[in-house]
Amino acid sequence: MASWASSPFRNPKVVRRAKAGRFNTIESDRLVALVAVFEGALFLFENEKAGATEWMTSPVRGLGSKRPTNMLGTRLETLAVLDFTGQLEEGVLV
């Protein structure tokens, strides 16, 4: 996930806070969203990290051709990605 280009975690100040073990609220929320969506992708890809990572960083038609990693800025977008992975897992055609 280090290649997530829009990540606030690439900011030098954020890297220093990460090393100190302290994120602000927004950074914490985005990190939790990233972990939740990646966990859903891992479940979808049967724990295949390479497949889940590729899916997370590629445009997905069912998400309006957006990359899941680009949809973690708001809780609504994060929930849309989680709902989408759940629908795929259940076999719902979207």
Protein backbone atom coordinates (compact mmCIF):
# COMPACT_ATOMS: atom_id res chain seq x y z
CA MET A 1 0.00 0.00 0.00
CA ALA A 2 3.05 2.22 0.10
CA SER A 3 2.39 3.14 -3.51
CA TRP A 4 -0.89 4.85 -2.59
CA ALA A 5 0.02 8.15 -4.25
CA SER A 6 -2.61 10.33 -2.59
CA SER A 7 -1.76 9.04 0.85
CA PRO A 8 -1.23 11.56 3.61
CA PHE A 9 1.16 8.99 5.03
CA ARG A 10 3.84 10.02 2.54
CA ASN A 11 4.05 13.49 4.07
CA PRO A 12 7.32 13.86 6.08
CA LYS A 13 5.47 15.29 9.10
CA VAL A 14 3.11 12.33 9.11
CA VAL A 15 6.02 9.90 8.80
CA ARG A 16 7.61 11.45 11.90
CA ARG A 17 4.31 11.16 13.80
CA ALA A 18 3.99 7.55 12.67
CA LYS A 19 7.42 6.75 14.07
CA ALA A 20 6.37 8.40 17.32
CA GLY A 21 3.11 6.42 17.27
CA ARG A 22 0.88 9.52 17.10
CA PHE A 23 -1.53 10.36 14.30
CA ASN A 24 -4.10 13.14 14.27
CA THR A 25 -7.80 12.27 13.98
CA ILE A 26 -7.98 12.58 10.19
CA GLU A 27 -4.88 10.44 9.67
CA SER A 28 -6.22 7.84 12.10
CA ASP A 29 -9.57 7.72 10.30
CA ARG A 30 -7.89 7.28 6.90
CA LEU A 31 -5.64 4.54 8.27
CA VAL A 32 -8.62 2.69 9.73
CA ALA A 33 -10.44 3.05 6.39
CA LEU A 34 -7.42 1.70 4.51
CA VAL A 35 -7.14 -1.30 6.80
CA ALA A 36 -10.89 -2.05 6.61
CA VAL A 37 -11.02 -1.84 2.82
CA PHE A 38 -7.82 -3.86 2.40
CA GLU A 39 -9.24 -6.49 4.76
CA GLY A 40 -12.35 -6.67 2.56
CA ALA A 41 -10.18 -6.98 -0.55
CA LEU A 42 -8.14 -9.74 1.08
CA PHE A 43 -11.34 -11.61 1.89
CA LEU A 44 -12.54 -11.14 -1.68
CA PHE A 45 -9.22 -12.41 -3.08
CA GLU A 46 -8.98 -15.28 -0.58
CA ASN A 47 -6.01 -13.76 1.28
CA GLU A 48 -3.95 -13.28 -1.88
CA LYS A 49 -2.13 -10.03 -1.04
CA ALA A 50 -0.91 -9.37 -4.59
CA GLY A 51 -4.42 -9.65 -6.05
CA ALA A 52 -5.94 -7.53 -3.30
CA THR A 53 -3.26 -4.86 -3.70
CA GLU A 54 -3.69 -4.80 -7.48
CA TRP A 55 -7.47 -4.43 -7.09
CA MET A 56 -7.07 -1.65 -4.51
CA THR A 57 -4.85 0.39 -6.83
CA SER A 58 -6.69 -0.20 -10.12
CA PRO A 59 -9.79 1.54 -11.50
CA VAL A 60 -12.89 -0.51 -10.68
CA ARG A 61 -15.88 -0.23 -13.02
CA GLY A 62 -18.39 -0.85 -10.23
CA LEU A 63 -16.94 2.11 -8.34
CA GLY A 64 -17.31 4.51 -11.25
CA SER A 65 -13.85 3.59 -12.57
CA LYS A 66 -12.26 4.97 -9.40
CA ARG A 67 -9.45 3.25 -7.53
CA PRO A 68 -10.56 1.97 -4.11
CA THR A 69 -7.53 3.66 -2.54
CA ASN A 70 -8.75 6.99 -3.90
CA MET A 71 -12.11 6.51 -2.20
CA LEU A 72 -10.93 6.53 1.39
CA GLY A 73 -11.13 10.28 1.96
CA THR A 74 -14.65 10.23 3.38
CA ARG A 75 -16.61 7.74 5.42
CA LEU A 76 -19.30 7.63 2.71
CA GLU A 77 -16.81 6.63 0.01
CA THR A 78 -15.20 4.07 2.31
CA LEU A 79 -18.60 2.52 3.00
CA ALA A 80 -19.31 2.43 -0.75
CA VAL A 81 -16.12 0.41 -1.31
CA LEU A 82 -16.93 -1.92 1.60
CA ASP A 83 -20.49 -2.40 0.32
CA PHE A 84 -19.13 -3.14 -3.15
CA THR A 85 -16.68 -5.79 -1.89
CA GLY A 86 -19.51 -7.35 0.11
CA GLN A 87 -21.74 -7.47 -2.96
CA LEU A 88 -18.98 -9.10 -4.99
CA GLU A 89 -18.38 -11.67 -2.27
CA GLU A 90 -22.10 -12.51 -2.20
CA GLY A 91 -22.20 -12.84 -5.98
CA VAL A 92 -24.37 -9.79 -6.59
CA LEU A 93 -23.89 -8.50 -10.12
CA VAL A 94 -23.02 -4.83 -9.99
